[in-house]
Amino acid sequence: MPLYSYRCTACDHAFETLVRSGDTPACPSCGAQTLDRLLSTPAPQMKSGRVIASGRAAAAKEGHFSNYSKAETKGKV
């Protein structure tokens, strides 16, 4: 089942939901079925060095090293 993003035209609520083929989703906020499906950017299929470096920099800035290996965190924690 694919995950789709929608915006309700009745109450302007934005949400994501799993949709089976042939099903019509309803807004979890108001129950209306008048929805606009939103476009989203696809996730990259592979991890590039730049993406990993960016994630590690963000983690280090926040003070945790959860995405580093034990060898990489030696002396940092």
N, C-alpha and C. Protein backbone atom coordinates (compact mmCIF):
# COMPACT_ATOMS: atom_id res chain seq x y z
N MET A 1 0.84 -1.19 0.00
CA MET A 1 0.00 0.00 0.00
C MET A 1 0.88 1.24 0.00
N PRO A 2 0.63 2.15 -0.91
CA PRO A 2 1.42 3.39 -0.94
C PRO A 2 0.94 4.39 0.11
N LEU A 3 1.86 5.22 0.55
CA LEU A 3 1.57 6.29 1.49
C LEU A 3 1.39 7.57 0.70
N TYR A 4 0.24 8.22 0.85
CA TYR A 4 -0.05 9.45 0.13
C TYR A 4 -0.30 10.59 1.10
N SER A 5 0.02 11.81 0.66
CA SER A 5 -0.28 13.02 1.42
C SER A 5 -1.50 13.68 0.81
N TYR A 6 -2.40 14.15 1.67
CA TYR A 6 -3.63 14.79 1.22
C TYR A 6 -3.86 16.08 1.99
N ARG A 7 -4.66 16.98 1.38
CA ARG A 7 -5.16 18.17 2.06
C ARG A 7 -6.66 18.17 1.84
N CYS A 8 -7.40 18.28 2.94
CA CYS A 8 -8.86 18.29 2.89
C CYS A 8 -9.33 19.65 2.38
N THR A 9 -10.22 19.65 1.38
CA THR A 9 -10.73 20.92 0.86
C THR A 9 -11.81 21.50 1.76
N ALA A 10 -12.37 20.69 2.64
CA ALA A 10 -13.42 21.17 3.54
C ALA A 10 -12.85 21.90 4.76
N CYS A 11 -11.82 21.30 5.40
CA CYS A 11 -11.30 21.90 6.64
C CYS A 11 -9.83 22.31 6.55
N ASP A 12 -9.19 22.10 5.38
CA ASP A 12 -7.79 22.47 5.14
C ASP A 12 -6.79 21.69 5.99
N HIS A 13 -7.19 20.52 6.47
CA HIS A 13 -6.30 19.66 7.27
C HIS A 13 -5.40 18.86 6.32
N ALA A 14 -4.09 18.85 6.60
CA ALA A 14 -3.14 18.08 5.80
C ALA A 14 -2.78 16.82 6.58
N PHE A 15 -2.72 15.67 5.87
CA PHE A 15 -2.40 14.41 6.53
C PHE A 15 -1.84 13.42 5.53
N GLU A 16 -1.24 12.34 6.06
CA GLU A 16 -0.74 11.24 5.24
C GLU A 16 -1.51 10.00 5.63
N THR A 17 -1.75 9.13 4.66
CA THR A 17 -2.44 7.89 4.95
C THR A 17 -2.04 6.81 3.94
N LEU A 18 -2.13 5.57 4.36
CA LEU A 18 -1.91 4.44 3.47
C LEU A 18 -3.21 4.19 2.72
N VAL A 19 -3.13 4.00 1.41
CA VAL A 19 -4.32 3.85 0.59
C VAL A 19 -4.24 2.56 -0.22
N ARG A 20 -5.25 1.72 -0.06
CA ARG A 20 -5.34 0.51 -0.88
C ARG A 20 -5.93 0.86 -2.23
N SER A 21 -5.65 0.06 -3.21
CA SER A 21 -6.17 0.28 -4.55
C SER A 21 -7.69 0.26 -4.53
N GLY A 22 -8.31 1.28 -5.07
CA GLY A 22 -9.76 1.35 -5.14
C GLY A 22 -10.42 2.01 -3.94
N ASP A 23 -9.68 2.24 -2.84
CA ASP A 23 -10.24 2.89 -1.66
C ASP A 23 -10.22 4.40 -1.81
N THR A 24 -11.19 5.06 -1.22
CA THR A 24 -11.23 6.51 -1.18
C THR A 24 -11.01 6.93 0.26
N PRO A 25 -9.91 7.62 0.56
CA PRO A 25 -9.65 8.01 1.95
C PRO A 25 -10.57 9.13 2.40
N ALA A 26 -10.71 9.27 3.71
CA ALA A 26 -11.50 10.35 4.30
C ALA A 26 -10.61 11.14 5.24
N CYS A 27 -10.92 12.40 5.42
CA CYS A 27 -10.16 13.28 6.31
C CYS A 27 -10.33 12.80 7.75
N PRO A 28 -9.23 12.59 8.48
CA PRO A 28 -9.35 12.16 9.87
C PRO A 28 -9.90 13.26 10.79
N SER A 29 -9.86 14.49 10.33
CA SER A 29 -10.31 15.61 11.14
C SER A 29 -11.83 15.82 11.04
N CYS A 30 -12.34 15.84 9.80
CA CYS A 30 -13.77 16.14 9.62
C CYS A 30 -14.56 15.03 8.93
N GLY A 31 -13.88 14.04 8.37
CA GLY A 31 -14.56 12.92 7.73
C GLY A 31 -14.92 13.14 6.26
N ALA A 32 -14.63 14.32 5.72
CA ALA A 32 -14.96 14.61 4.32
C ALA A 32 -14.07 13.80 3.38
N GLN A 33 -14.60 13.50 2.20
CA GLN A 33 -13.83 12.77 1.20
C GLN A 33 -13.45 13.65 0.02
N THR A 34 -13.60 14.95 0.16
CA THR A 34 -13.17 15.89 -0.89
C THR A 34 -11.74 16.30 -0.58
N LEU A 35 -10.80 15.56 -1.14
CA LEU A 35 -9.39 15.72 -0.82
C LEU A 35 -8.59 16.04 -2.06
N ASP A 36 -7.52 16.82 -1.87
CA ASP A 36 -6.52 17.05 -2.91
C ASP A 36 -5.29 16.24 -2.55
N ARG A 37 -4.83 15.40 -3.48
CA ARG A 37 -3.61 14.65 -3.22
C ARG A 37 -2.43 15.57 -3.49
N LEU A 38 -1.50 15.63 -2.53
CA LEU A 38 -0.35 16.52 -2.63
C LEU A 38 0.82 15.81 -3.26
N LEU A 39 1.63 16.55 -3.97
CA LEU A 39 2.86 16.01 -4.55
C LEU A 39 3.96 16.05 -3.51
N SER A 40 4.78 15.04 -3.52
CA SER A 40 5.91 15.02 -2.60
C SER A 40 7.16 14.64 -3.38
N THR A 41 8.29 15.01 -2.84
CA THR A 41 9.55 14.67 -3.50
C THR A 41 9.92 13.24 -3.14
N PRO A 42 10.41 12.49 -4.09
CA PRO A 42 10.80 11.10 -3.78
C PRO A 42 12.04 11.06 -2.91
N ALA A 43 12.11 10.06 -2.08
CA ALA A 43 13.29 9.86 -1.24
C ALA A 43 14.43 9.32 -2.09
N PRO A 44 15.66 9.71 -1.78
CA PRO A 44 16.78 9.17 -2.55
C PRO A 44 16.90 7.66 -2.33
N GLN A 45 17.26 6.93 -3.38
CA GLN A 45 17.32 5.48 -3.31
C GLN A 45 18.59 4.97 -2.63
N MET A 46 19.59 5.81 -2.52
CA MET A 46 20.83 5.37 -1.88
C MET A 46 21.32 6.46 -0.95
N LYS A 47 22.14 6.09 -0.01
CA LYS A 47 22.69 7.06 0.92
C LYS A 47 23.99 7.61 0.35
N SER A 48 24.02 8.89 0.13
CA SER A 48 25.24 9.48 -0.38
C SER A 48 26.06 10.01 0.79
N GLY A 49 27.30 10.23 0.56
CA GLY A 49 28.18 10.74 1.60
C GLY A 49 27.73 12.08 2.13
N ARG A 50 27.19 12.92 1.26
CA ARG A 50 26.74 14.25 1.67
C ARG A 50 25.53 14.15 2.60
N VAL A 51 24.59 13.22 2.34
CA VAL A 51 23.42 13.04 3.18
C VAL A 51 23.84 12.54 4.57
N ILE A 52 24.75 11.58 4.58
CA ILE A 52 25.24 11.04 5.85
C ILE A 52 25.98 12.12 6.63
N ALA A 53 26.84 12.87 5.98
CA ALA A 53 27.59 13.93 6.65
C ALA A 53 26.65 14.99 7.22
N SER A 54 25.61 15.33 6.49
CA SER A 54 24.64 16.31 6.95
C SER A 54 23.90 15.81 8.20
N GLY A 55 23.50 14.55 8.19
CA GLY A 55 22.83 13.96 9.36
C GLY A 55 23.73 13.90 10.56
N ARG A 56 24.97 13.56 10.35
CA ARG A 56 25.92 13.50 11.46
C ARG A 56 26.20 14.89 12.03
N ALA A 57 26.30 15.88 11.16
CA ALA A 57 26.53 17.25 11.64
C ALA A 57 25.36 17.74 12.47
N ALA A 58 24.14 17.43 12.03
CA ALA A 58 22.95 17.83 12.78
C ALA A 58 22.91 17.14 14.14
N ALA A 59 23.26 15.85 14.18
CA ALA A 59 23.27 15.10 15.44
C ALA A 59 24.31 15.66 16.39
N ALA A 60 25.49 15.95 15.88
CA ALA A 60 26.56 16.50 16.72
C ALA A 60 26.17 17.87 17.26
N LYS A 61 25.52 18.68 16.44
CA LYS A 61 25.08 20.01 16.86
C LYS A 61 24.08 19.92 18.00
N GLU A 62 23.23 18.87 17.97
CA GLU A 62 22.25 18.66 19.03
C GLU A 62 22.85 17.97 20.25
N GLY A 63 24.09 17.54 20.16
CA GLY A 63 24.78 16.96 21.30
C GLY A 63 24.68 15.46 21.44
N HIS A 64 24.23 14.78 20.42
CA HIS A 64 24.21 13.32 20.52
C HIS A 64 24.93 12.72 19.31
N PHE A 65 25.41 11.53 19.50
CA PHE A 65 26.20 10.87 18.47
C PHE A 65 25.59 9.51 18.12
N SER A 66 24.27 9.43 18.09
CA SER A 66 23.58 8.17 17.89
C SER A 66 23.82 7.55 16.52
N ASN A 67 24.16 8.32 15.54
CA ASN A 67 24.37 7.75 14.21
C ASN A 67 25.84 7.56 13.87
N TYR A 68 26.70 7.59 14.87
CA TYR A 68 28.12 7.32 14.69
C TYR A 68 28.42 5.91 15.21
N SER A 69 29.44 5.28 14.67
CA SER A 69 29.87 3.99 15.20
C SER A 69 30.67 4.22 16.48
N LYS A 70 30.89 3.17 17.26
CA LYS A 70 31.64 3.30 18.52
C LYS A 70 33.06 3.80 18.26
N ALA A 71 33.66 3.35 17.16
CA ALA A 71 35.02 3.80 16.84
C ALA A 71 35.06 5.30 16.53
N GLU A 72 34.01 5.79 15.90
CA GLU A 72 33.97 7.22 15.55
C GLU A 72 33.69 8.11 16.74
N THR A 73 33.02 7.58 17.77
CA THR A 73 32.68 8.40 18.94
C THR A 73 33.75 8.36 20.01
N LYS A 74 34.81 7.65 19.81
CA LYS A 74 35.88 7.54 20.80
C LYS A 74 36.42 8.94 21.14
N GLY A 75 36.30 9.34 22.38
CA GLY A 75 36.79 10.62 22.82
C GLY A 75 35.80 11.76 22.65
N LYS A 76 34.65 11.53 22.03
CA LYS A 76 33.67 12.58 21.83
C LYS A 76 32.57 12.58 22.88
N VAL A 77 32.33 11.43 23.50
CA VAL A 77 31.24 11.33 24.47
C VAL A 77 31.71 11.34 25.89
